[in-house]
């Protein structure tokens, strides 16, 4: 149970988006973050989207976990400011970017990471699947396979980056890396357990679980200002 000291729930804008290039979504997150640093009273945000194929490396992550030459690569690769090692995004993987002011929740990054894991675990429960945590690692596993990766960045207690849930992606892109730097634990996708599952249906359960775990009121919104040409 979520025990909130607030008399009313925080509003959280839900931006349900389709396929968005990684750098475009990254710029959008940064602008939302900066707005909230300037005005901490702005509503929280949850962005749900998918990315075209892309590899990202966390701050200080080890490029040895790439199985290709980063300088001669035909792949889209970006080093960014989240924590964690290398990961892969592609269509069929549902990515969630919460922009939350943790001062309204709990100023505790370990707590926040566990809450993100809890969101995914509850989604798996909907499908009768038992998601698991592995102590010392961040993410969610299903029968020994990692189905959700989590990496965050927090500035002035406002979050960016988030989680990536493998729903029904083409898994071959993961073969070119050591995902999250963990060589002895394979990655998996929900489609292995639930043939025919789609990101579209999982979005609903992710949003529902997120609202429950963080005790927020989700308000479905359209981010028109971001997509207008400057």
Protein backbone atom coordinates (compact mmCIF):
# COMPACT_ATOMS: atom_id res chain seq x y z
CA UNK A 1 0.00 0.00 0.00
CA UNK A 2 1.10 3.56 -0.68
CA UNK A 3 0.67 5.67 2.43
CA UNK A 4 0.73 9.29 1.36
CA UNK A 5 0.76 12.19 3.75
CA UNK A 6 -0.82 14.32 1.04
CA UNK A 7 -4.52 14.98 1.21
CA UNK A 8 -4.75 15.02 -2.57
CA UNK A 9 -2.76 13.20 -5.21
CA UNK A 10 -0.06 14.86 -7.26
CA UNK A 11 -1.08 15.44 -10.85
CA UNK A 12 1.14 13.73 -13.39
CA UNK A 13 0.84 14.49 -17.09
CA UNK A 14 0.88 11.32 -19.21
CA UNK A 15 2.41 11.77 -22.66
CA UNK A 16 1.63 8.61 -24.64
CA UNK A 17 3.89 8.89 -27.68
CA UNK A 18 4.88 6.64 -30.57
CA UNK A 19 8.32 6.16 -32.11
CA UNK A 20 10.60 9.12 -31.28
CA UNK A 21 14.31 9.41 -32.16
CA UNK A 22 16.47 9.10 -29.06
CA UNK A 23 18.10 12.55 -29.18
CA UNK A 24 14.76 14.26 -29.76
CA UNK A 25 13.29 12.57 -26.67
CA UNK A 26 16.45 13.35 -24.71
CA UNK A 27 16.19 17.05 -25.55
CA UNK A 28 12.54 16.99 -24.58
CA UNK A 29 13.35 15.46 -21.19
CA UNK A 30 16.02 18.08 -20.55
CA UNK A 31 13.63 20.91 -21.35
CA UNK A 32 10.97 19.45 -19.02
CA UNK A 33 13.60 19.01 -16.30
CA UNK A 34 14.91 22.57 -16.66
CA UNK A 35 11.38 24.01 -16.56
CA UNK A 36 10.79 22.19 -13.27
CA UNK A 37 14.09 23.33 -11.78
CA UNK A 38 12.92 26.90 -12.54
CA UNK A 39 9.39 26.22 -11.25
CA UNK A 40 9.18 23.20 -8.89
CA UNK A 41 5.37 23.56 -8.74
CA UNK A 42 4.87 22.37 -12.32
CA UNK A 43 3.07 19.05 -12.75
CA UNK A 44 5.09 15.84 -12.86
CA UNK A 45 5.31 14.03 -16.21
CA UNK A 46 5.40 10.43 -17.41
CA UNK A 47 6.44 9.93 -21.05
CA UNK A 48 5.81 6.53 -22.65
CA UNK A 49 7.33 5.92 -26.07
CA UNK A 50 9.47 3.69 -28.28
CA UNK A 51 12.79 4.49 -29.95
CA UNK A 52 14.28 3.55 -33.33
CA UNK A 53 17.33 1.26 -32.81
CA UNK A 54 19.92 3.03 -30.64
CA UNK A 55 22.66 2.19 -28.12
CA UNK A 56 23.23 4.42 -25.10
CA UNK A 57 26.06 4.41 -22.59
CA UNK A 58 25.67 5.80 -19.10
CA UNK A 59 28.01 8.37 -17.63
CA UNK A 60 31.33 6.67 -16.98
CA UNK A 61 30.18 3.38 -18.48
CA UNK A 62 32.72 1.04 -20.01
CA UNK A 63 32.83 0.99 -23.82
CA UNK A 64 34.39 -2.50 -23.58
CA UNK A 65 30.82 -3.72 -23.17
CA UNK A 66 30.24 -2.81 -26.83
CA UNK A 67 31.10 -5.66 -29.18
CA UNK A 68 31.76 -3.27 -32.06
CA UNK A 69 34.09 -0.33 -32.70
CA UNK A 70 32.23 2.77 -31.54
CA UNK A 71 34.24 4.96 -33.94
CA UNK A 72 33.54 2.88 -37.04
CA UNK A 73 30.01 1.89 -36.24
CA UNK A 74 26.99 2.10 -38.50
CA UNK A 75 24.87 1.98 -35.33
CA UNK A 76 23.37 4.95 -33.55
CA UNK A 77 25.36 5.32 -30.28
CA UNK A 78 25.11 8.06 -27.62
CA UNK A 79 26.86 8.58 -24.30
CA UNK A 80 24.47 10.33 -21.94
CA UNK A 81 24.22 11.48 -18.33
CA UNK A 82 22.21 8.66 -16.75
CA UNK A 83 23.71 6.05 -14.45
CA UNK A 84 24.32 2.50 -15.59
CA UNK A 85 26.16 0.75 -18.39
CA UNK A 86 25.35 0.25 -22.08
CA UNK A 87 21.79 -0.53 -23.12
CA UNK A 88 19.84 -0.94 -26.34
CA UNK A 89 16.51 0.57 -27.36
CA UNK A 90 14.41 -0.40 -30.37
CA UNK A 91 10.77 -0.66 -31.46
CA UNK A 92 8.83 -3.18 -29.39
CA UNK A 93 10.53 -1.97 -26.21
CA UNK A 94 8.36 0.34 -24.11
CA UNK A 95 10.39 3.16 -22.59
CA UNK A 96 9.16 5.26 -19.68
CA UNK A 97 10.64 8.62 -18.73
CA UNK A 98 9.24 9.97 -15.44
CA UNK A 99 10.02 13.62 -14.75
CA UNK A 100 9.19 13.65 -11.04
CA UNK A 101 10.04 16.09 -8.29
CA UNK A 102 11.13 13.68 -5.56
CA UNK A 103 10.71 16.40 -2.94
CA UNK A 104 6.99 15.61 -3.25
CA UNK A 105 7.64 11.89 -2.64
CA UNK A 106 10.83 10.82 -0.91
CA UNK A 107 14.32 12.27 -1.33
CA UNK A 108 15.89 8.85 -1.65
CA UNK A 109 17.29 7.52 -4.93
CA UNK A 110 17.34 3.88 -3.79
CA UNK A 111 13.67 4.19 -2.86
CA UNK A 112 12.94 5.69 -6.29
CA UNK A 113 14.73 2.86 -8.15
CA UNK A 114 12.81 0.25 -6.13
CA UNK A 115 9.54 2.04 -6.95
CA UNK A 116 10.32 1.89 -10.69
CA UNK A 117 11.01 -1.83 -10.34
CA UNK A 118 7.72 -2.20 -8.49
CA UNK A 119 5.85 -0.58 -11.40
CA UNK A 120 7.22 -3.25 -13.77
CA UNK A 121 6.65 -6.11 -11.30
CA UNK A 122 2.99 -5.11 -11.00
CA UNK A 123 2.62 -5.03 -14.79
CA UNK A 124 4.01 -8.58 -15.01
CA UNK A 125 1.56 -9.69 -12.30
CA UNK A 126 -1.29 -8.64 -14.60
CA UNK A 127 -0.08 -11.37 -16.98
CA UNK A 128 0.38 -13.93 -14.23
CA UNK A 129 4.17 -13.56 -14.35
CA UNK A 130 6.41 -13.27 -11.28
CA UNK A 131 8.93 -10.45 -11.80
CA UNK A 132 11.98 -10.55 -9.57
CA UNK A 133 14.66 -8.24 -8.25
CA UNK A 134 18.26 -9.38 -7.93
CA UNK A 135 20.09 -7.80 -4.98
CA UNK A 136 23.03 -5.60 -6.07
CA UNK A 137 21.50 -5.08 -9.52
CA UNK A 138 18.87 -2.63 -10.73
CA UNK A 139 16.11 -3.86 -13.02
CA UNK A 140 13.49 -6.61 -13.22
CA UNK A 141 14.09 -10.26 -14.10
CA UNK A 142 11.72 -13.00 -15.22
CA UNK A 143 12.88 -16.59 -14.70
CA UNK A 144 16.51 -15.43 -14.76
CA UNK A 145 16.19 -13.20 -17.84
CA UNK A 146 16.35 -9.42 -17.56
CA UNK A 147 13.17 -7.94 -19.07
CA UNK A 148 13.46 -4.36 -17.77
CA UNK A 149 16.47 -2.06 -17.49
CA UNK A 150 16.48 1.07 -15.34
CA UNK A 151 18.84 4.06 -15.42
CA UNK A 152 18.18 7.49 -13.96
CA UNK A 153 19.59 10.98 -13.58
CA UNK A 154 18.42 13.33 -10.83
CA UNK A 155 19.04 17.10 -10.69
CA UNK A 156 17.78 19.11 -7.70
CA UNK A 157 15.68 16.05 -6.83
CA UNK A 158 13.97 16.11 -10.24
CA UNK A 159 14.28 12.89 -12.22
CA UNK A 160 14.94 12.12 -15.88
CA UNK A 161 15.66 8.96 -17.90
CA UNK A 162 13.85 5.93 -16.47
CA UNK A 163 12.97 2.36 -17.48
CA UNK A 164 12.87 0.21 -20.61
CA UNK A 165 10.62 -2.86 -20.72
CA UNK A 166 11.27 -5.44 -23.44
CA UNK A 167 7.76 -6.22 -24.67
CA UNK A 168 8.22 -7.60 -28.20
CA UNK A 169 11.48 -6.19 -29.63
CA UNK A 170 13.81 -7.75 -32.17
CA UNK A 171 16.34 -9.06 -29.66
CA UNK A 172 19.26 -9.38 -32.09
CA UNK A 173 20.44 -5.83 -31.27
CA UNK A 174 21.30 -7.00 -27.75
CA UNK A 175 23.81 -9.48 -29.18
CA UNK A 176 26.19 -6.61 -30.05
CA UNK A 177 26.61 -5.53 -26.41
CA UNK A 178 26.99 -6.87 -22.88
CA UNK A 179 23.64 -5.46 -21.67
CA UNK A 180 24.05 -3.32 -18.56
CA UNK A 181 27.55 -4.80 -18.24
CA UNK A 182 26.15 -8.09 -16.89
CA UNK A 183 27.68 -10.92 -18.92
CA UNK A 184 26.21 -13.92 -17.10
CA UNK A 185 22.52 -12.96 -17.05
CA UNK A 186 20.66 -13.00 -20.38
CA UNK A 187 18.06 -10.49 -21.49
CA UNK A 188 14.53 -11.56 -22.36
CA UNK A 189 11.27 -10.12 -23.65
CA UNK A 190 7.67 -10.60 -22.58
CA UNK A 191 6.84 -12.02 -26.02
CA UNK A 192 8.76 -15.17 -25.00
CA UNK A 193 6.10 -15.81 -22.36
CA UNK A 194 3.12 -14.10 -24.02
CA UNK A 195 3.13 -14.51 -27.81
CA UNK A 196 1.38 -11.66 -29.59
CA UNK A 197 1.80 -9.14 -26.77
CA UNK A 198 2.16 -5.50 -27.94
CA UNK A 199 3.51 -2.26 -26.50
CA UNK A 200 0.12 -0.69 -27.12
CA UNK A 201 -1.66 -2.93 -24.60
CA UNK A 202 1.22 -2.87 -22.10
CA UNK A 203 1.20 0.95 -22.04
CA UNK A 204 -2.16 0.91 -20.28
CA UNK A 205 -0.92 -1.38 -17.51
CA UNK A 206 2.35 0.53 -17.11
CA UNK A 207 0.45 3.81 -16.69
CA UNK A 208 -1.99 2.19 -14.26
CA UNK A 209 0.80 0.62 -12.18
CA UNK A 210 2.79 3.86 -12.18
CA UNK A 211 -0.24 5.78 -10.84
CA UNK A 212 -0.74 3.18 -8.09
CA UNK A 213 2.90 2.92 -7.01
CA UNK A 214 3.55 6.68 -6.90
CA UNK A 215 0.03 7.62 -5.76
CA UNK A 216 -0.50 10.13 -8.60
CA UNK A 217 -3.44 11.17 -10.72
CA UNK A 218 -2.48 10.68 -14.37
CA UNK A 219 -3.81 13.28 -16.80
CA UNK A 220 -3.45 12.20 -20.45
CA UNK A 221 -1.98 15.14 -22.35
CA UNK A 222 -0.49 16.13 -25.69
CA UNK A 223 2.87 17.94 -25.66
CA UNK A 224 2.09 20.25 -28.61
CA UNK A 225 4.63 22.87 -27.67
CA UNK A 226 7.52 20.42 -27.96
CA UNK A 227 6.76 19.20 -31.44
CA UNK A 228 6.15 22.59 -33.02
CA UNK A 229 9.04 23.72 -35.24
CA UNK A 230 11.05 26.52 -33.64
